Amino acid sequence: QDMESEEYYDAVSIKRQGLGLVRLVGE
């Protein structure tokens, strides 16, 4: 919930990397 925490930014990064992986697989 804390959008200013290190954990928040790490979690968002993981999710974005996951979507990037899916797009890469398709390409």
mmCIF file of all heavy atoms, coordinates in Angstrom:
data_MODEL
# 
_entry.id   MODEL 
# 
loop_
_atom_site.group_PDB 
_atom_site.id 
_atom_site.type_symbol 
_atom_site.label_atom_id 
_atom_site.label_alt_id 
_atom_site.label_comp_id 
_atom_site.label_asym_id 
_atom_site.label_entity_id 
_atom_site.label_seq_id 
_atom_site.pdbx_PDB_ins_code 
_atom_site.Cartn_x 
_atom_site.Cartn_y 
_atom_site.Cartn_z 
_atom_site.occupancy 
_atom_site.B_iso_or_equiv 
_atom_site.pdbx_formal_charge 
_atom_site.auth_seq_id 
_atom_site.auth_comp_id 
_atom_site.auth_asym_id 
_atom_site.auth_atom_id 
_atom_site.pdbx_PDB_model_num 
ATOM 1   N N   . GLN A 1 1  ? 0.819  -1.211  0.000   1.00 0.00 ? 1  GLN A N   1 
ATOM 2   C CA  . GLN A 1 1  ? 0.000  0.000   0.000   1.00 0.00 ? 1  GLN A CA  1 
ATOM 3   C C   . GLN A 1 1  ? 0.856  1.264   0.000   1.00 0.00 ? 1  GLN A C   1 
ATOM 4   O O   . GLN A 1 1  ? 0.456  2.287   -0.546  1.00 0.00 ? 1  GLN A O   1 
ATOM 5   C CB  . GLN A 1 1  ? -0.919 -0.002  1.232   1.00 0.00 ? 1  GLN A CB  1 
ATOM 6   C CG  . GLN A 1 1  ? -1.964 -1.106  1.227   1.00 0.00 ? 1  GLN A CG  1 
ATOM 7   C CD  . GLN A 1 1  ? -2.949 -0.961  0.080   1.00 0.00 ? 1  GLN A CD  1 
ATOM 8   O OE1 . GLN A 1 1  ? -3.385 0.146   -0.217  1.00 0.00 ? 1  GLN A OE1 1 
ATOM 9   N NE2 . GLN A 1 1  ? -3.285 -2.080  -0.548  1.00 0.00 ? 1  GLN A NE2 1 
ATOM 10  N N   . ASP A 1 2  ? 2.028  1.174   0.609   1.00 0.00 ? 2  ASP A N   1 
ATOM 11  C CA  . ASP A 1 2  ? 2.902  2.335   0.702   1.00 0.00 ? 2  ASP A CA  1 
ATOM 12  C C   . ASP A 1 2  ? 3.598  2.573   -0.642  1.00 0.00 ? 2  ASP A C   1 
ATOM 13  O O   . ASP A 1 2  ? 4.561  1.897   -0.999  1.00 0.00 ? 2  ASP A O   1 
ATOM 14  C CB  . ASP A 1 2  ? 3.946  2.122   1.805   1.00 0.00 ? 2  ASP A CB  1 
ATOM 15  C CG  . ASP A 1 2  ? 4.854  3.332   1.983   1.00 0.00 ? 2  ASP A CG  1 
ATOM 16  O OD1 . ASP A 1 2  ? 4.626  4.352   1.292   1.00 0.00 ? 2  ASP A OD1 1 
ATOM 17  O OD2 . ASP A 1 2  ? 5.785  3.252   2.807   1.00 0.00 ? 2  ASP A OD2 1 
ATOM 18  N N   . MET A 1 3  ? 3.102  3.545   -1.390  1.00 0.00 ? 3  MET A N   1 
ATOM 19  C CA  . MET A 1 3  ? 3.629  3.797   -2.733  1.00 0.00 ? 3  MET A CA  1 
ATOM 20  C C   . MET A 1 3  ? 5.002  4.448   -2.731  1.00 0.00 ? 3  MET A C   1 
ATOM 21  O O   . MET A 1 3  ? 5.610  4.621   -3.786  1.00 0.00 ? 3  MET A O   1 
ATOM 22  C CB  . MET A 1 3  ? 2.648  4.673   -3.519  1.00 0.00 ? 3  MET A CB  1 
ATOM 23  C CG  . MET A 1 3  ? 1.334  4.004   -3.813  1.00 0.00 ? 3  MET A CG  1 
ATOM 24  S SD  . MET A 1 3  ? 0.266  5.036   -4.852  1.00 0.00 ? 3  MET A SD  1 
ATOM 25  C CE  . MET A 1 3  ? -1.146 3.938   -5.050  1.00 0.00 ? 3  MET A CE  1 
ATOM 26  N N   . GLU A 1 4  ? 5.495  4.840   -1.581  1.00 0.00 ? 4  GLU A N   1 
ATOM 27  C CA  . GLU A 1 4  ? 6.818  5.453   -1.504  1.00 0.00 ? 4  GLU A CA  1 
ATOM 28  C C   . GLU A 1 4  ? 7.873  4.471   -1.005  1.00 0.00 ? 4  GLU A C   1 
ATOM 29  O O   . GLU A 1 4  ? 9.026  4.838   -0.838  1.00 0.00 ? 4  GLU A O   1 
ATOM 30  C CB  . GLU A 1 4  ? 6.775  6.669   -0.558  1.00 0.00 ? 4  GLU A CB  1 
ATOM 31  C CG  . GLU A 1 4  ? 5.867  7.795   -1.047  1.00 0.00 ? 4  GLU A CG  1 
ATOM 32  C CD  . GLU A 1 4  ? 6.325  8.364   -2.382  1.00 0.00 ? 4  GLU A CD  1 
ATOM 33  O OE1 . GLU A 1 4  ? 7.542  8.463   -2.599  1.00 0.00 ? 4  GLU A OE1 1 
ATOM 34  O OE2 . GLU A 1 4  ? 5.463  8.692   -3.207  1.00 0.00 ? 4  GLU A OE2 1 
ATOM 35  N N   . SER A 1 5  ? 7.494  3.231   -0.797  1.00 0.00 ? 5  SER A N   1 
ATOM 36  C CA  . SER A 1 5  ? 8.424  2.252   -0.239  1.00 0.00 ? 5  SER A CA  1 
ATOM 37  C C   . SER A 1 5  ? 9.246  1.582   -1.331  1.00 0.00 ? 5  SER A C   1 
ATOM 38  O O   . SER A 1 5  ? 8.847  1.529   -2.501  1.00 0.00 ? 5  SER A O   1 
ATOM 39  C CB  . SER A 1 5  ? 7.666  1.186   0.548   1.00 0.00 ? 5  SER A CB  1 
ATOM 40  O OG  . SER A 1 5  ? 6.870  0.399   -0.328  1.00 0.00 ? 5  SER A OG  1 
ATOM 41  N N   . GLU A 1 6  ? 10.405 1.058   -0.946  1.00 0.00 ? 6  GLU A N   1 
ATOM 42  C CA  . GLU A 1 6  ? 11.247 0.288   -1.870  1.00 0.00 ? 6  GLU A CA  1 
ATOM 43  C C   . GLU A 1 6  ? 10.497 -0.940  -2.375  1.00 0.00 ? 6  GLU A C   1 
ATOM 44  O O   . GLU A 1 6  ? 10.591 -1.308  -3.546  1.00 0.00 ? 6  GLU A O   1 
ATOM 45  C CB  . GLU A 1 6  ? 12.528 -0.150  -1.153  1.00 0.00 ? 6  GLU A CB  1 
ATOM 46  C CG  . GLU A 1 6  ? 13.450 0.986   -0.736  1.00 0.00 ? 6  GLU A CG  1 
ATOM 47  C CD  . GLU A 1 6  ? 14.236 1.536   -1.902  1.00 0.00 ? 6  GLU A CD  1 
ATOM 48  O OE1 . GLU A 1 6  ? 14.405 0.798   -2.896  1.00 0.00 ? 6  GLU A OE1 1 
ATOM 49  O OE2 . GLU A 1 6  ? 14.674 2.693   -1.827  1.00 0.00 ? 6  GLU A OE2 1 
ATOM 50  N N   . GLU A 1 7  ? 9.747  -1.583  -1.486  1.00 0.00 ? 7  GLU A N   1 
ATOM 51  C CA  . GLU A 1 7  ? 9.019  -2.796  -1.836  1.00 0.00 ? 7  GLU A CA  1 
ATOM 52  C C   . GLU A 1 7  ? 7.981  -2.522  -2.915  1.00 0.00 ? 7  GLU A C   1 
ATOM 53  O O   . GLU A 1 7  ? 7.746  -3.359  -3.794  1.00 0.00 ? 7  GLU A O   1 
ATOM 54  C CB  . GLU A 1 7  ? 8.352  -3.405  -0.599  1.00 0.00 ? 7  GLU A CB  1 
ATOM 55  C CG  . GLU A 1 7  ? 9.309  -3.972  0.432   1.00 0.00 ? 7  GLU A CG  1 
ATOM 56  C CD  . GLU A 1 7  ? 9.970  -2.891  1.273   1.00 0.00 ? 7  GLU A CD  1 
ATOM 57  O OE1 . GLU A 1 7  ? 9.538  -1.705  1.192   1.00 0.00 ? 7  GLU A OE1 1 
ATOM 58  O OE2 . GLU A 1 7  ? 10.926 -3.216  2.005   1.00 0.00 ? 7  GLU A OE2 1 
ATOM 59  N N   . TYR A 1 8  ? 7.361  -1.352  -2.849  1.00 0.00 ? 8  TYR A N   1 
ATOM 60  C CA  . TYR A 1 8  ? 6.347  -1.007  -3.845  1.00 0.00 ? 8  TYR A CA  1 
ATOM 61  C C   . TYR A 1 8  ? 6.969  -0.920  -5.238  1.00 0.00 ? 8  TYR A C   1 
ATOM 62  O O   . TYR A 1 8  ? 6.464  -1.500  -6.201  1.00 0.00 ? 8  TYR A O   1 
ATOM 63  C CB  . TYR A 1 8  ? 5.678  0.322   -3.493  1.00 0.00 ? 8  TYR A CB  1 
ATOM 64  C CG  . TYR A 1 8  ? 4.678  0.778   -4.538  1.00 0.00 ? 8  TYR A CG  1 
ATOM 65  C CD1 . TYR A 1 8  ? 3.360  0.326   -4.499  1.00 0.00 ? 8  TYR A CD1 1 
ATOM 66  C CD2 . TYR A 1 8  ? 5.061  1.634   -5.571  1.00 0.00 ? 8  TYR A CD2 1 
ATOM 67  C CE1 . TYR A 1 8  ? 2.448  0.725   -5.459  1.00 0.00 ? 8  TYR A CE1 1 
ATOM 68  C CE2 . TYR A 1 8  ? 4.152  2.026   -6.536  1.00 0.00 ? 8  TYR A CE2 1 
ATOM 69  C CZ  . TYR A 1 8  ? 2.848  1.580   -6.476  1.00 0.00 ? 8  TYR A CZ  1 
ATOM 70  O OH  . TYR A 1 8  ? 1.959  1.961   -7.442  1.00 0.00 ? 8  TYR A OH  1 
ATOM 71  N N   . TYR A 1 9  ? 8.069  -0.212  -5.345  1.00 0.00 ? 9  TYR A N   1 
ATOM 72  C CA  . TYR A 1 9  ? 8.714  -0.042  -6.647  1.00 0.00 ? 9  TYR A CA  1 
ATOM 73  C C   . TYR A 1 9  ? 9.262  -1.366  -7.176  1.00 0.00 ? 9  TYR A C   1 
ATOM 74  O O   . TYR A 1 9  ? 9.234  -1.635  -8.382  1.00 0.00 ? 9  TYR A O   1 
ATOM 75  C CB  . TYR A 1 9  ? 9.815  1.015   -6.553  1.00 0.00 ? 9  TYR A CB  1 
ATOM 76  C CG  . TYR A 1 9  ? 9.265  2.416   -6.494  1.00 0.00 ? 9  TYR A CG  1 
ATOM 77  C CD1 . TYR A 1 9  ? 9.092  3.055   -5.268  1.00 0.00 ? 9  TYR A CD1 1 
ATOM 78  C CD2 . TYR A 1 9  ? 8.894  3.089   -7.648  1.00 0.00 ? 9  TYR A CD2 1 
ATOM 79  C CE1 . TYR A 1 9  ? 8.566  4.346   -5.205  1.00 0.00 ? 9  TYR A CE1 1 
ATOM 80  C CE2 . TYR A 1 9  ? 8.366  4.377   -7.593  1.00 0.00 ? 9  TYR A CE2 1 
ATOM 81  C CZ  . TYR A 1 9  ? 8.207  4.996   -6.370  1.00 0.00 ? 9  TYR A CZ  1 
ATOM 82  O OH  . TYR A 1 9  ? 7.678  6.258   -6.309  1.00 0.00 ? 9  TYR A OH  1 
ATOM 83  N N   . ASP A 1 10 ? 9.757  -2.198  -6.283  1.00 0.00 ? 10 ASP A N   1 
ATOM 84  C CA  . ASP A 1 10 ? 10.239 -3.515  -6.706  1.00 0.00 ? 10 ASP A CA  1 
ATOM 85  C C   . ASP A 1 10 ? 9.094  -4.375  -7.231  1.00 0.00 ? 10 ASP A C   1 
ATOM 86  O O   . ASP A 1 10 ? 9.232  -5.072  -8.238  1.00 0.00 ? 10 ASP A O   1 
ATOM 87  C CB  . ASP A 1 10 ? 10.929 -4.225  -5.540  1.00 0.00 ? 10 ASP A CB  1 
ATOM 88  C CG  . ASP A 1 10 ? 12.309 -3.656  -5.245  1.00 0.00 ? 10 ASP A CG  1 
ATOM 89  O OD1 . ASP A 1 10 ? 12.855 -2.951  -6.123  1.00 0.00 ? 10 ASP A OD1 1 
ATOM 90  O OD2 . ASP A 1 10 ? 12.845 -3.911  -4.154  1.00 0.00 ? 10 ASP A OD2 1 
ATOM 91  N N   . ALA A 1 11 ? 7.940  -4.330  -6.552  1.00 0.00 ? 11 ALA A N   1 
ATOM 92  C CA  . ALA A 1 11 ? 6.789  -5.129  -6.967  1.00 0.00 ? 11 ALA A CA  1 
ATOM 93  C C   . ALA A 1 11 ? 6.274  -4.673  -8.328  1.00 0.00 ? 11 ALA A C   1 
ATOM 94  O O   . ALA A 1 11 ? 5.953  -5.504  -9.202  1.00 0.00 ? 11 ALA A O   1 
ATOM 95  C CB  . ALA A 1 11 ? 5.679  -5.037  -5.911  1.00 0.00 ? 11 ALA A CB  1 
ATOM 96  N N   . VAL A 1 12 ? 6.181  -3.364  -8.519  1.00 0.00 ? 12 VAL A N   1 
ATOM 97  C CA  . VAL A 1 12 ? 5.730  -2.837  -9.809  1.00 0.00 ? 12 VAL A CA  1 
ATOM 98  C C   . VAL A 1 12 ? 6.697  -3.232  -10.916 1.00 0.00 ? 12 VAL A C   1 
ATOM 99  O O   . VAL A 1 12 ? 6.304  -3.595  -12.028 1.00 0.00 ? 12 VAL A O   1 
ATOM 100 C CB  . VAL A 1 12 ? 5.584  -1.305  -9.735  1.00 0.00 ? 12 VAL A CB  1 
ATOM 101 C CG1 . VAL A 1 12 ? 5.360  -0.712  -11.124 1.00 0.00 ? 12 VAL A CG1 1 
ATOM 102 C CG2 . VAL A 1 12 ? 4.413  -0.936  -8.827  1.00 0.00 ? 12 VAL A CG2 1 
ATOM 103 N N   . SER A 1 13 ? 7.994  -3.198  -10.619 1.00 0.00 ? 13 SER A N   1 
ATOM 104 C CA  . SER A 1 13 ? 9.008  -3.572  -11.599 1.00 0.00 ? 13 SER A CA  1 
ATOM 105 C C   . SER A 1 13 ? 8.862  -5.035  -12.013 1.00 0.00 ? 13 SER A C   1 
ATOM 106 O O   . SER A 1 13 ? 8.964  -5.378  -13.190 1.00 0.00 ? 13 SER A O   1 
ATOM 107 C CB  . SER A 1 13 ? 10.406 -3.324  -11.032 1.00 0.00 ? 13 SER A CB  1 
ATOM 108 O OG  . SER A 1 13 ? 11.399 -3.740  -11.938 1.00 0.00 ? 13 SER A OG  1 
ATOM 109 N N   . ILE A 1 14 ? 8.601  -5.909  -11.050 1.00 0.00 ? 14 ILE A N   1 
ATOM 110 C CA  . ILE A 1 14 ? 8.425  -7.332  -11.343 1.00 0.00 ? 14 ILE A CA  1 
ATOM 111 C C   . ILE A 1 14 ? 7.235  -7.546  -12.269 1.00 0.00 ? 14 ILE A C   1 
ATOM 112 O O   . ILE A 1 14 ? 7.300  -8.311  -13.239 1.00 0.00 ? 14 ILE A O   1 
ATOM 113 C CB  . ILE A 1 14 ? 8.247  -8.129  -10.039 1.00 0.00 ? 14 ILE A CB  1 
ATOM 114 C CG1 . ILE A 1 14 ? 9.566  -8.169  -9.255  1.00 0.00 ? 14 ILE A CG1 1 
ATOM 115 C CG2 . ILE A 1 14 ? 7.772  -9.552  -10.323 1.00 0.00 ? 14 ILE A CG2 1 
ATOM 116 C CD1 . ILE A 1 14 ? 9.442  -8.749  -7.868  1.00 0.00 ? 14 ILE A CD1 1 
ATOM 117 N N   . LYS A 1 15 ? 6.129  -6.854  -11.994 1.00 0.00 ? 15 LYS A N   1 
ATOM 118 C CA  . LYS A 1 15 ? 4.938  -7.012  -12.825 1.00 0.00 ? 15 LYS A CA  1 
ATOM 119 C C   . LYS A 1 15 ? 5.188  -6.514  -14.244 1.00 0.00 ? 15 LYS A C   1 
ATOM 120 O O   . LYS A 1 15 ? 4.782  -7.148  -15.227 1.00 0.00 ? 15 LYS A O   1 
ATOM 121 C CB  . LYS A 1 15 ? 3.765  -6.267  -12.189 1.00 0.00 ? 15 LYS A CB  1 
ATOM 122 C CG  . LYS A 1 15 ? 3.178  -6.961  -10.963 1.00 0.00 ? 15 LYS A CG  1 
ATOM 123 C CD  . LYS A 1 15 ? 2.044  -6.162  -10.374 1.00 0.00 ? 15 LYS A CD  1 
ATOM 124 C CE  . LYS A 1 15 ? 1.408  -6.890  -9.192  1.00 0.00 ? 15 LYS A CE  1 
ATOM 125 N NZ  . LYS A 1 15 ? 0.592  -8.031  -9.628  1.00 0.00 ? 15 LYS A NZ  1 
ATOM 126 N N   . ARG A 1 16 ? 5.880  -5.401  -14.365 1.00 0.00 ? 16 ARG A N   1 
ATOM 127 C CA  . ARG A 1 16 ? 6.164  -4.869  -15.700 1.00 0.00 ? 16 ARG A CA  1 
ATOM 128 C C   . ARG A 1 16 ? 7.122  -5.784  -16.462 1.00 0.00 ? 16 ARG A C   1 
ATOM 129 O O   . ARG A 1 16 ? 6.993  -5.971  -17.679 1.00 0.00 ? 16 ARG A O   1 
ATOM 130 C CB  . ARG A 1 16 ? 6.730  -3.463  -15.586 1.00 0.00 ? 16 ARG A CB  1 
ATOM 131 C CG  . ARG A 1 16 ? 5.673  -2.431  -15.223 1.00 0.00 ? 16 ARG A CG  1 
ATOM 132 C CD  . ARG A 1 16 ? 6.234  -1.038  -15.115 1.00 0.00 ? 16 ARG A CD  1 
ATOM 133 N NE  . ARG A 1 16 ? 5.170  -0.054  -14.958 1.00 0.00 ? 16 ARG A NE  1 
ATOM 134 C CZ  . ARG A 1 16 ? 5.358  1.214   -14.638 1.00 0.00 ? 16 ARG A CZ  1 
ATOM 135 N NH1 . ARG A 1 16 ? 6.579  1.657   -14.436 1.00 0.00 ? 16 ARG A NH1 1 
ATOM 136 N NH2 . ARG A 1 16 ? 4.347  2.044   -14.524 1.00 0.00 ? 16 ARG A NH2 1 
ATOM 137 N N   . GLN A 1 17 ? 8.086  -6.346  -15.762 1.00 0.00 ? 17 GLN A N   1 
ATOM 138 C CA  . GLN A 1 17 ? 9.001  -7.284  -16.407 1.00 0.00 ? 17 GLN A CA  1 
ATOM 139 C C   . GLN A 1 17 ? 8.244  -8.527  -16.877 1.00 0.00 ? 17 GLN A C   1 
ATOM 140 O O   . GLN A 1 17 ? 8.546  -9.091  -17.928 1.00 0.00 ? 17 GLN A O   1 
ATOM 141 C CB  . GLN A 1 17 ? 10.113 -7.669  -15.437 1.00 0.00 ? 17 GLN A CB  1 
ATOM 142 C CG  . GLN A 1 17 ? 11.146 -6.580  -15.209 1.00 0.00 ? 17 GLN A CG  1 
ATOM 143 C CD  . GLN A 1 17 ? 12.200 -6.966  -14.192 1.00 0.00 ? 17 GLN A CD  1 
ATOM 144 O OE1 . GLN A 1 17 ? 12.355 -8.136  -13.870 1.00 0.00 ? 17 GLN A OE1 1 
ATOM 145 N NE2 . GLN A 1 17 ? 12.907 -5.982  -13.673 1.00 0.00 ? 17 GLN A NE2 1 
ATOM 146 N N   . GLY A 1 18 ? 7.232  -8.942  -16.102 1.00 0.00 ? 18 GLY A N   1 
ATOM 147 C CA  . GLY A 1 18 ? 6.425  -10.088 -16.501 1.00 0.00 ? 18 GLY A CA  1 
ATOM 148 C C   . GLY A 1 18 ? 5.678  -9.834  -17.790 1.00 0.00 ? 18 GLY A C   1 
ATOM 149 O O   . GLY A 1 18 ? 5.679  -10.669 -18.706 1.00 0.00 ? 18 GLY A O   1 
ATOM 150 N N   . LEU A 1 19 ? 5.058  -8.660  -17.892 1.00 0.00 ? 19 LEU A N   1 
ATOM 151 C CA  . LEU A 1 19 ? 4.361  -8.310  -19.127 1.00 0.00 ? 19 LEU A CA  1 
ATOM 152 C C   . LEU A 1 19 ? 5.336  -8.174  -20.290 1.00 0.00 ? 19 LEU A C   1 
ATOM 153 O O   . LEU A 1 19 ? 5.027  -8.543  -21.422 1.00 0.00 ? 19 LEU A O   1 
ATOM 154 C CB  . LEU A 1 19 ? 3.582  -7.004  -18.944 1.00 0.00 ? 19 LEU A CB  1 
ATOM 155 C CG  . LEU A 1 19 ? 2.289  -7.083  -18.139 1.00 0.00 ? 19 LEU A CG  1 
ATOM 156 C CD1 . LEU A 1 19 ? 1.637  -5.712  -18.047 1.00 0.00 ? 19 LEU A CD1 1 
ATOM 157 C CD2 . LEU A 1 19 ? 1.320  -8.078  -18.753 1.00 0.00 ? 19 LEU A CD2 1 
ATOM 158 N N   . GLY A 1 20 ? 6.527  -7.655  -20.013 1.00 0.00 ? 20 GLY A N   1 
ATOM 159 C CA  . GLY A 1 20 ? 7.544  -7.562  -21.054 1.00 0.00 ? 20 GLY A CA  1 
ATOM 160 C C   . GLY A 1 20 ? 7.970  -8.930  -21.555 1.00 0.00 ? 20 GLY A C   1 
ATOM 161 O O   . GLY A 1 20 ? 8.177  -9.132  -22.752 1.00 0.00 ? 20 GLY A O   1 
ATOM 162 N N   . LEU A 1 21 ? 8.082  -9.890  -20.630 1.00 0.00 ? 21 LEU A N   1 
ATOM 163 C CA  . LEU A 1 21 ? 8.429  -11.255 -21.017 1.00 0.00 ? 21 LEU A CA  1 
ATOM 164 C C   . LEU A 1 21 ? 7.364  -11.856 -21.920 1.00 0.00 ? 21 LEU A C   1 
ATOM 165 O O   . LEU A 1 21 ? 7.667  -12.488 -22.941 1.00 0.00 ? 21 LEU A O   1 
ATOM 166 C CB  . LEU A 1 21 ? 8.607  -12.117 -19.762 1.00 0.00 ? 21 LEU A CB  1 
ATOM 167 C CG  . LEU A 1 21 ? 8.785  -13.615 -20.003 1.00 0.00 ? 21 LEU A CG  1 
ATOM 168 C CD1 . LEU A 1 21 ? 10.074 -13.895 -20.769 1.00 0.00 ? 21 LEU A CD1 1 
ATOM 169 C CD2 . LEU A 1 21 ? 8.779  -14.380 -18.679 1.00 0.00 ? 21 LEU A CD2 1 
ATOM 170 N N   . VAL A 1 22 ? 6.099  -11.655 -21.565 1.00 0.00 ? 22 VAL A N   1 
ATOM 171 C CA  . VAL A 1 22 ? 4.998  -12.184 -22.372 1.00 0.00 ? 22 VAL A CA  1 
ATOM 172 C C   . VAL A 1 22 ? 5.034  -11.592 -23.778 1.00 0.00 ? 22 VAL A C   1 
ATOM 173 O O   . VAL A 1 22 ? 4.874  -12.304 -24.781 1.00 0.00 ? 22 VAL A O   1 
ATOM 174 C CB  . VAL A 1 22 ? 3.647  -11.888 -21.688 1.00 0.00 ? 22 VAL A CB  1 
ATOM 175 C CG1 . VAL A 1 22 ? 2.488  -12.203 -22.626 1.00 0.00 ? 22 VAL A CG1 1 
ATOM 176 C CG2 . VAL A 1 22 ? 3.513  -12.700 -20.411 1.00 0.00 ? 22 VAL A CG2 1 
ATOM 177 N N   . ARG A 1 23 ? 5.251  -10.294 -23.860 1.00 0.00 ? 23 ARG A N   1 
ATOM 178 C CA  . ARG A 1 23 ? 5.335  -9.647  -25.174 1.00 0.00 ? 23 ARG A CA  1 
ATOM 179 C C   . ARG A 1 23 ? 6.522  -10.186 -25.968 1.00 0.00 ? 23 ARG A C   1 
ATOM 180 O O   . ARG A 1 23 ? 6.422  -10.434 -27.182 1.00 0.00 ? 23 ARG A O   1 
ATOM 181 C CB  . ARG A 1 23 ? 5.468  -8.137  -24.972 1.00 0.00 ? 23 ARG A CB  1 
ATOM 182 C CG  . ARG A 1 23 ? 5.668  -7.347  -26.259 1.00 0.00 ? 23 ARG A CG  1 
ATOM 183 C CD  . ARG A 1 23 ? 4.425  -7.262  -27.096 1.00 0.00 ? 23 ARG A CD  1 
ATOM 184 N NE  . ARG A 1 23 ? 4.688  -6.597  -28.360 1.00 0.00 ? 23 ARG A NE  1 
ATOM 185 C CZ  . ARG A 1 23 ? 4.684  -5.275  -28.526 1.00 0.00 ? 23 ARG A CZ  1 
ATOM 186 N NH1 . ARG A 1 23 ? 4.464  -4.474  -27.490 1.00 0.00 ? 23 ARG A NH1 1 
ATOM 187 N NH2 . ARG A 1 23 ? 4.906  -4.761  -29.717 1.00 0.00 ? 23 ARG A NH2 1 
ATOM 188 N N   . LEU A 1 24 ? 7.657  -10.381 -25.300 1.00 0.00 ? 24 LEU A N   1 
ATOM 189 C CA  . LEU A 1 24 ? 8.834  -10.922 -25.975 1.00 0.00 ? 24 LEU A CA  1 
ATOM 190 C C   . LEU A 1 24 ? 8.563  -12.321 -26.517 1.00 0.00 ? 24 LEU A C   1 
ATOM 191 O O   . LEU A 1 24 ? 8.932  -12.641 -27.654 1.00 0.00 ? 24 LEU A O   1 
ATOM 192 C CB  . LEU A 1 24 ? 10.023 -10.959 -25.012 1.00 0.00 ? 24 LEU A CB  1 
ATOM 193 C CG  . LEU A 1 24 ? 11.312 -11.590 -25.563 1.00 0.00 ? 24 LEU A CG  1 
ATOM 194 C CD1 . LEU A 1 24 ? 11.858 -10.791 -26.737 1.00 0.00 ? 24 LEU A CD1 1 
ATOM 195 C CD2 . LEU A 1 24 ? 12.365 -11.699 -24.468 1.00 0.00 ? 24 LEU A CD2 1 
ATOM 196 N N   . VAL A 1 25 ? 7.910  -13.153 -25.733 1.00 0.00 ? 25 VAL A N   1 
ATOM 197 C CA  . VAL A 1 25 ? 7.569  -14.512 -26.181 1.00 0.00 ? 25 VAL A CA  1 
ATOM 198 C C   . VAL A 1 25 ? 6.723  -14.439 -27.458 1.00 0.00 ? 25 VAL A C   1 
ATOM 199 O O   . VAL A 1 25 ? 6.954  -15.178 -28.421 1.00 0.00 ? 25 VAL A O   1 
ATOM 200 C CB  . VAL A 1 25 ? 6.820  -15.272 -25.068 1.00 0.00 ? 25 VAL A CB  1 
ATOM 201 C CG1 . VAL A 1 25 ? 6.170  -16.537 -25.614 1.00 0.00 ? 25 VAL A CG1 1 
ATOM 202 C CG2 . VAL A 1 25 ? 7.790  -15.631 -23.939 1.00 0.00 ? 25 VAL A CG2 1 
ATOM 203 N N   . GLY A 1 26 ? 5.739  -13.550 -27.468 1.00 0.00 ? 26 GLY A N   1 
ATOM 204 C CA  . GLY A 1 26 ? 4.909  -13.409 -28.658 1.00 0.00 ? 26 GLY A CA  1 
ATOM 205 C C   . GLY A 1 26 ? 5.697  -12.949 -29.867 1.00 0.00 ? 26 GLY A C   1 
ATOM 206 O O   . GLY A 1 26 ? 5.522  -13.459 -30.983 1.00 0.00 ? 26 GLY A O   1 
ATOM 207 N N   . GLU A 1 27 ? 6.602  -12.000 -29.667 1.00 0.00 ? 27 GLU A N   1 
ATOM 208 C CA  . GLU A 1 27 ? 7.406  -11.485 -30.779 1.00 0.00 ? 27 GLU A CA  1 
ATOM 209 C C   . GLU A 1 27 ? 8.397  -12.531 -31.287 1.00 0.00 ? 27 GLU A C   1 
ATOM 210 O O   . GLU A 1 27 ? 8.670  -12.615 -32.488 1.00 0.00 ? 27 GLU A O   1 
ATOM 211 C CB  . GLU A 1 27 ? 8.151  -10.222 -30.344 1.00 0.00 ? 27 GLU A CB  1 
ATOM 212 C CG  . GLU A 1 27 ? 7.252  -9.038  -30.007 1.00 0.00 ? 27 GLU A CG  1 
ATOM 213 C CD  . GLU A 1 27 ? 6.585  -8.424  -31.219 1.00 0.00 ? 27 GLU A CD  1 
ATOM 214 O OE1 . GLU A 1 27 ? 6.991  -8.745  -32.353 1.00 0.00 ? 27 GLU A OE1 1 
ATOM 215 O OE2 . GLU A 1 27 ? 5.662  -7.603  -31.032 1.00 0.00 ? 27 GLU A OE2 1 
# 
